[in-house]
Amino acid sequence: MQRRQNNPMSDYDRIADVIQYLDTHHTEQPDLAVLANHVGLSPFHFHRLFSNWAAITPKDFLQCLTLAHAKTLLQKGNSVLDAALNSGLSGPARLHDLCVNLEAATPGEIKSGGAGWTITAGIADTPFGKCLLGENPRGICHLSFIESADGATEWTALQQSWPQAQVRRNNNVAAQLASRIFEPANDIQTQSPLRACVRGTAFQVQVWRALLQIQPGSIISYGQLAATLGKPAAARAVGTAIGQNALAYLVPCHRVIRETGVVGDYRWGHIRKRAILAWESAAQFSTEKNEPALQASAD
């Protein structure tokens, strides 16, 4: 992803800034020029930024941010989830979450705190800002978006999760993993599944595995997810389990919203959650319209 020279603001910073701006100015229906000016870019560069980041034009991308769009997806939630459960790897152009083998750490591994393990971890760029990625011998064990100024808080959280493990820093390995997780895949059938190792209760792991059945560009409510688990009265418990997910984006807790259609809270910030949902919806929107990823003229 291209970065502008001599400007510390990243592409994702600008995306998040625009989303926050729209939260308070959506009734004014700001056009391309207004949004571009808000983030200090020309309309041309702003259009190019969105096209590179979301793979569709700003006009179509902003449609993917609307509450009406979220409500429409929510109304389709049950049928979309059923289709995902029945169809496996059909459809989306981006790496499908069913290509993730999610394994639970054993009670002995949890009790030992990862003793004898070496966790290779590092900072990597993603479409949603920098992240900290960690991989132990069983698979990816940590993925969090960096919210602290220097990443120290995230490093501490990783070490506390596996206090007896040795942590070896390697940003190159993290970048390779991030590329597989966040970049489009031309042929998902040819890629070996990503392995992930999580520590959690049996119920938490059950919830996280259910999240992997929700296809990119789709959403579901807490109550609907609880119902698919055969526990329709456990929406609150499902929400708690989702909040304990330590693998941002990879285990897609961002695809669960409130029954009202409101996006709601997210461990790594509600603005980032909206950006991820819009990004995934944009990819699906682009596929359905069968349009080129980039368009030459600004909307």
Protein backbone atom coordinates (compact mmCIF):
# COMPACT_ATOMS: atom_id res chain seq x y z
CA MET A 1 0.00 0.00 0.00
CA GLN A 2 1.39 3.36 -0.99
CA ARG A 3 2.19 5.93 1.71
CA ARG A 4 2.55 9.63 0.99
CA GLN A 5 6.01 11.05 1.53
CA ASN A 6 6.71 13.33 4.53
CA ASN A 7 3.30 12.77 6.11
CA PRO A 8 2.98 10.69 9.30
CA MET A 9 -0.73 10.00 8.78
CA SER A 10 -1.26 6.51 7.33
CA ASP A 11 -3.97 5.49 4.89
CA TYR A 12 -5.88 3.79 7.69
CA ASP A 13 -5.60 6.91 9.88
CA ARG A 14 -7.31 8.86 7.12
CA ILE A 15 -10.00 6.18 6.67
CA ALA A 16 -10.72 6.18 10.39
CA ASP A 17 -10.79 9.98 10.43
CA VAL A 18 -13.35 10.02 7.62
CA ILE A 19 -15.54 7.44 9.36
CA GLN A 20 -15.46 9.49 12.56
CA TYR A 21 -16.27 12.64 10.57
CA LEU A 22 -19.25 10.93 8.94
CA ASP A 23 -20.59 9.93 12.35
CA THR A 24 -21.33 13.59 13.08
CA HIS A 25 -21.87 14.93 9.54
CA HIS A 26 -23.71 12.14 7.71
CA THR A 27 -26.94 14.15 7.50
CA GLU A 28 -25.06 16.73 5.43
CA GLN A 29 -24.13 14.09 2.86
CA PRO A 30 -20.59 15.46 2.38
CA ASP A 31 -19.28 14.98 -1.14
CA LEU A 32 -15.87 13.82 -2.32
CA ALA A 33 -14.32 17.30 -2.15
CA VAL A 34 -15.45 17.87 1.45
CA LEU A 35 -14.14 14.50 2.65
CA ALA A 36 -10.86 14.97 0.79
CA ASN A 37 -10.38 18.38 2.34
CA HIS A 38 -11.11 16.99 5.81
CA VAL A 39 -8.11 14.63 5.61
CA GLY A 40 -5.88 17.13 3.80
CA LEU A 41 -5.83 15.52 0.36
CA SER A 42 -6.89 16.59 -3.10
CA PRO A 43 -10.04 14.89 -4.44
CA PHE A 44 -7.83 12.96 -6.88
CA HIS A 45 -5.52 11.59 -4.16
CA PHE A 46 -8.42 10.92 -1.81
CA HIS A 47 -10.20 8.92 -4.54
CA ARG A 48 -7.03 6.95 -5.24
CA LEU A 49 -6.50 6.24 -1.54
CA PHE A 50 -9.99 4.78 -1.20
CA SER A 51 -9.70 2.80 -4.40
CA ASN A 52 -6.40 1.29 -3.25
CA TRP A 53 -7.63 0.59 0.27
CA ALA A 54 -11.18 -0.62 -0.37
CA ALA A 55 -10.90 -1.81 -4.01
CA ILE A 56 -13.96 0.28 -4.95
CA THR A 57 -14.66 3.99 -5.38
CA PRO A 58 -15.32 6.33 -2.42
CA LYS A 59 -18.98 6.64 -3.40
CA ASP A 60 -19.55 2.88 -3.24
CA PHE A 61 -17.40 2.53 -0.15
CA LEU A 62 -19.39 5.12 1.75
CA GLN A 63 -22.57 3.23 0.89
CA CYS A 64 -21.02 0.26 2.71
CA LEU A 65 -20.71 2.37 5.85
CA THR A 66 -24.37 3.24 6.20
CA LEU A 67 -26.55 1.87 8.97
CA ALA A 68 -29.15 0.94 6.36
CA HIS A 69 -26.60 -1.38 4.76
CA ALA A 70 -25.86 -2.98 8.12
CA LYS A 71 -29.57 -3.49 8.79
CA THR A 72 -30.04 -5.08 5.38
CA LEU A 73 -27.24 -7.53 6.08
CA LEU A 74 -28.65 -8.25 9.53
CA GLN A 75 -32.04 -9.10 8.05
CA LYS A 76 -30.27 -11.66 5.89
CA GLY A 77 -28.25 -12.96 8.82
CA ASN A 78 -29.86 -16.36 9.29
CA SER A 79 -29.90 -17.30 5.62
CA VAL A 80 -26.37 -16.00 5.07
CA LEU A 81 -25.05 -18.01 7.99
CA ASP A 82 -26.91 -21.12 6.86
CA ALA A 83 -25.43 -20.72 3.41
CA ALA A 84 -21.96 -20.34 4.88
CA LEU A 85 -22.35 -23.47 6.98
CA ASN A 86 -23.53 -25.47 3.98
CA SER A 87 -21.31 -24.16 1.20
CA GLY A 88 -17.83 -24.10 2.70
CA LEU A 89 -15.32 -22.21 0.62
CA SER A 90 -17.56 -20.84 -2.14
CA GLY A 91 -17.65 -17.18 -3.06
CA PRO A 92 -15.45 -14.48 -1.59
CA ALA A 93 -12.27 -13.29 -3.29
CA ARG A 94 -10.45 -12.63 -0.02
CA LEU A 95 -8.96 -15.40 2.07
CA HIS A 96 -11.92 -17.23 3.59
CA ASP A 97 -11.98 -17.74 7.33
CA LEU A 98 -12.69 -21.44 6.88
CA CYS A 99 -9.03 -21.68 5.82
CA VAL A 100 -8.17 -21.29 9.51
CA ASN A 101 -7.62 -24.40 11.59
CA LEU A 102 -8.48 -23.27 15.11
CA GLU A 103 -7.10 -25.46 17.88
CA ALA A 104 -7.48 -25.04 21.61
CA ALA A 105 -4.43 -25.11 23.85
CA THR A 106 -4.51 -28.10 26.16
CA PRO A 107 -5.04 -27.63 29.91
CA GLY A 108 -1.41 -28.63 30.41
CA GLU A 109 -0.18 -26.02 27.93
CA ILE A 110 -2.27 -23.35 29.61
CA LYS A 111 -1.12 -24.38 33.10
CA SER A 112 2.54 -24.34 32.05
CA GLY A 113 2.18 -20.85 30.59
CA GLY A 114 3.89 -21.95 27.37
CA ALA A 115 7.00 -23.29 29.09
CA GLY A 116 9.40 -24.67 26.51
CA TRP A 117 7.80 -22.70 23.68
CA THR A 118 9.35 -19.99 21.57
CA ILE A 119 6.84 -17.44 20.34
CA THR A 120 7.97 -15.55 17.25
CA ALA A 121 6.28 -12.16 17.26
CA GLY A 122 6.52 -8.83 15.51
CA ILE A 123 4.80 -5.68 14.34
CA ALA A 124 3.22 -5.65 10.86
CA ASP A 125 1.17 -3.27 8.75
CA THR A 126 -2.45 -4.08 7.96
CA PRO A 127 -5.26 -2.18 6.19
CA PHE A 128 -6.47 -1.23 9.68
CA GLY A 129 -3.23 0.04 11.18
CA LYS A 130 -0.30 -1.78 12.72
CA CYS A 131 -0.78 -5.07 14.52
CA LEU A 132 1.20 -7.34 16.79
CA LEU A 133 1.30 -10.94 15.55
CA GLY A 134 2.63 -13.89 17.53
CA GLU A 135 3.10 -17.52 16.48
CA ASN A 136 3.92 -20.43 18.77
CA PRO A 137 4.69 -24.04 17.73
CA ARG A 138 0.94 -24.77 17.49
CA GLY A 139 0.05 -21.76 15.32
CA ILE A 140 -0.87 -18.09 15.52
CA CYS A 141 -1.52 -17.37 19.19
CA HIS A 142 -1.84 -13.59 19.25
CA LEU A 143 -3.13 -10.91 16.90
CA SER A 144 -3.95 -7.48 18.28
CA PHE A 145 -4.15 -4.05 16.69
CA ILE A 146 -1.66 -1.56 18.11
CA GLU A 147 -3.47 1.14 20.07
CA SER A 148 -0.71 2.29 22.44
CA ALA A 149 1.84 4.88 21.32
CA ASP A 150 4.81 2.49 21.19
CA GLY A 151 3.17 -0.95 21.21
CA ALA A 152 4.44 -1.69 24.73
CA THR A 153 0.96 -2.46 26.06
CA GLU A 154 0.37 -5.05 23.34
CA TRP A 155 3.77 -6.69 23.89
CA THR A 156 3.00 -6.94 27.61
CA ALA A 157 -0.38 -8.55 26.92
CA LEU A 158 1.27 -11.15 24.68
CA GLN A 159 3.87 -12.02 27.31
CA GLN A 160 1.21 -12.23 30.05
CA SER A 161 -0.79 -14.68 27.95
CA TRP A 162 2.15 -17.10 27.84
CA PRO A 163 4.37 -15.98 30.75
CA GLN A 164 6.80 -18.92 30.61
CA ALA A 165 7.39 -18.81 26.85
CA GLN A 166 10.41 -17.19 25.24
CA VAL A 167 9.39 -14.36 22.90
CA ARG A 168 11.62 -13.80 19.88
CA ARG A 169 10.99 -10.61 17.93
CA ASN A 170 10.91 -10.91 14.14
CA ASN A 171 8.98 -8.31 12.14
CA ASN A 172 9.67 -10.12 8.85
CA VAL A 173 7.84 -13.25 9.98
CA ALA A 174 4.97 -11.10 11.26
CA ALA A 175 4.78 -9.30 7.90
CA GLN A 176 4.55 -12.62 6.04
CA LEU A 177 1.73 -13.81 8.28
CA ALA A 178 -0.10 -10.49 7.95
CA SER A 179 0.13 -10.75 4.18
CA ARG A 180 -1.62 -14.11 4.23
CA ILE A 181 -4.30 -12.90 6.63
CA PHE A 182 -5.17 -9.53 5.11
CA GLU A 183 -4.23 -9.64 1.42
CA PRO A 184 -6.56 -10.96 -1.32
CA ALA A 185 -5.98 -14.55 -2.37
CA ASN A 186 -6.27 -15.41 -6.05
CA ASP A 187 -6.95 -19.06 -5.39
CA ILE A 188 -7.73 -20.01 -1.82
CA GLN A 189 -7.86 -23.68 -2.75
CA THR A 190 -4.08 -23.75 -3.36
CA GLN A 191 -3.14 -22.28 0.02
CA SER A 192 -2.51 -24.39 3.09
CA PRO A 193 -4.80 -23.49 5.99
CA LEU A 194 -3.54 -21.07 8.61
CA ARG A 195 -3.12 -22.67 12.01
CA ALA A 196 -4.26 -20.83 15.11
CA CYS A 197 -3.87 -21.80 18.76
CA VAL A 198 -6.15 -20.23 21.36
CA ARG A 199 -6.52 -20.50 25.10
CA GLY A 200 -10.08 -20.51 26.36
CA THR A 201 -12.89 -22.50 27.90
CA ALA A 202 -14.75 -25.11 25.87
CA PHE A 203 -17.65 -22.68 25.43
CA GLN A 204 -15.38 -19.83 24.31
CA VAL A 205 -13.69 -22.04 21.72
CA GLN A 206 -17.12 -23.18 20.52
CA VAL A 207 -18.16 -19.55 19.99
CA TRP A 208 -14.91 -18.68 18.21
CA ARG A 209 -15.27 -21.64 15.87
CA ALA A 210 -18.82 -20.55 15.07
CA LEU A 211 -17.49 -17.10 14.15
CA LEU A 212 -15.30 -18.74 11.52
CA GLN A 213 -18.45 -19.88 9.72
CA ILE A 214 -19.56 -16.31 8.96
CA GLN A 215 -18.39 -15.33 5.50
CA PRO A 216 -16.63 -12.00 4.84
CA GLY A 217 -19.12 -9.25 4.05
CA SER A 218 -21.80 -10.85 6.26
CA ILE A 219 -22.89 -10.03 9.79
CA ILE A 220 -24.99 -11.64 12.51
CA SER A 221 -26.44 -10.58 15.85
CA TYR A 222 -25.40 -11.95 19.22
CA GLY A 223 -28.80 -13.62 19.58
CA GLN A 224 -28.60 -15.23 16.15
CA LEU A 225 -25.12 -16.57 16.87
CA ALA A 226 -26.31 -17.98 20.21
CA ALA A 227 -29.20 -19.69 18.41
CA THR A 228 -26.85 -21.40 15.95
CA LEU A 229 -25.03 -22.86 18.95
CA GLY A 230 -28.30 -24.31 20.25
CA LYS A 231 -28.29 -21.84 23.15
CA PRO A 232 -30.82 -19.14 22.17
CA ALA A 233 -30.91 -17.70 25.70
CA ALA A 234 -27.12 -17.33 25.92
CA ALA A 235 -26.65 -14.12 23.90
CA ARG A 236 -24.96 -12.38 26.84
CA ALA A 237 -22.57 -15.30 27.41
CA VAL A 238 -21.80 -15.34 23.69
CA GLY A 239 -20.99 -11.63 23.87
CA THR A 240 -18.62 -12.21 26.78
CA ALA A 241 -16.84 -15.00 24.90
CA ILE A 242 -16.49 -12.78 21.84
CA GLY A 243 -14.95 -10.06 24.00
CA GLN A 244 -12.24 -12.51 25.14
CA ASN A 245 -11.09 -13.32 21.61
CA ALA A 246 -7.31 -12.75 21.37
CA LEU A 247 -7.07 -13.09 17.59
CA ALA A 248 -8.27 -9.83 16.07
CA TYR A 249 -9.75 -10.14 12.59
CA LEU A 250 -8.54 -13.74 12.15
CA VAL A 251 -11.37 -14.90 14.41
CA PRO A 252 -13.96 -12.42 13.07
CA CYS A 253 -15.71 -11.14 16.19
CA HIS A 254 -16.17 -7.87 14.26
CA ARG A 255 -18.98 -9.54 12.27
CA VAL A 256 -21.30 -9.69 15.29
CA ILE A 257 -23.50 -6.65 15.93
CA ARG A 258 -26.43 -5.76 18.15
CA GLU A 259 -29.97 -6.93 17.43
CA THR A 260 -30.93 -3.34 16.55
CA GLY A 261 -28.44 -3.19 13.70
CA VAL A 262 -26.09 -0.88 15.63
CA VAL A 263 -22.46 -1.93 15.13
CA GLY A 264 -21.67 -1.69 18.85
CA ASP A 265 -18.44 -2.05 20.80
CA TYR A 266 -15.22 -3.72 19.70
CA ARG A 267 -12.14 -4.63 21.70
CA TRP A 268 -9.95 -2.66 19.30
CA GLY A 269 -12.28 0.33 18.86
CA HIS A 270 -15.70 0.76 17.26
CA ILE A 271 -14.29 2.93 14.45
CA ARG A 272 -11.92 0.14 13.48
CA LYS A 273 -14.82 -2.34 13.61
CA ARG A 274 -16.82 -0.20 11.20
CA ALA A 275 -13.82 0.15 8.91
CA ILE A 276 -13.31 -3.63 8.82
CA LEU A 277 -16.99 -4.30 8.12
CA ALA A 278 -17.06 -1.72 5.35
CA TRP A 279 -13.81 -3.06 3.86
CA GLU A 280 -15.19 -6.61 3.76
CA SER A 281 -18.55 -5.44 2.44
CA ALA A 282 -16.76 -3.40 -0.21
CA ALA A 283 -14.89 -6.48 -1.39
CA GLN A 284 -18.15 -8.41 -1.67
CA PHE A 285 -19.86 -5.42 -3.31
CA SER A 286 -17.09 -5.22 -5.90
CA THR A 287 -17.31 -8.95 -6.62
CA GLU A 288 -21.08 -8.83 -7.06
CA LYS A 289 -20.87 -5.88 -9.46
CA ASN A 290 -18.00 -7.58 -11.31
CA GLU A 291 -16.21 -4.25 -11.57
CA PRO A 292 -12.47 -3.61 -11.90
CA ALA A 293 -10.71 -3.02 -8.58
CA LEU A 294 -9.69 0.50 -9.64
CA GLN A 295 -11.71 3.05 -11.58
CA ALA A 296 -10.06 5.81 -13.52
CA SER A 297 -12.55 8.60 -12.95
CA ALA A 298 -13.61 10.05 -9.61
CA ASP A 299 -17.23 9.79 -8.50
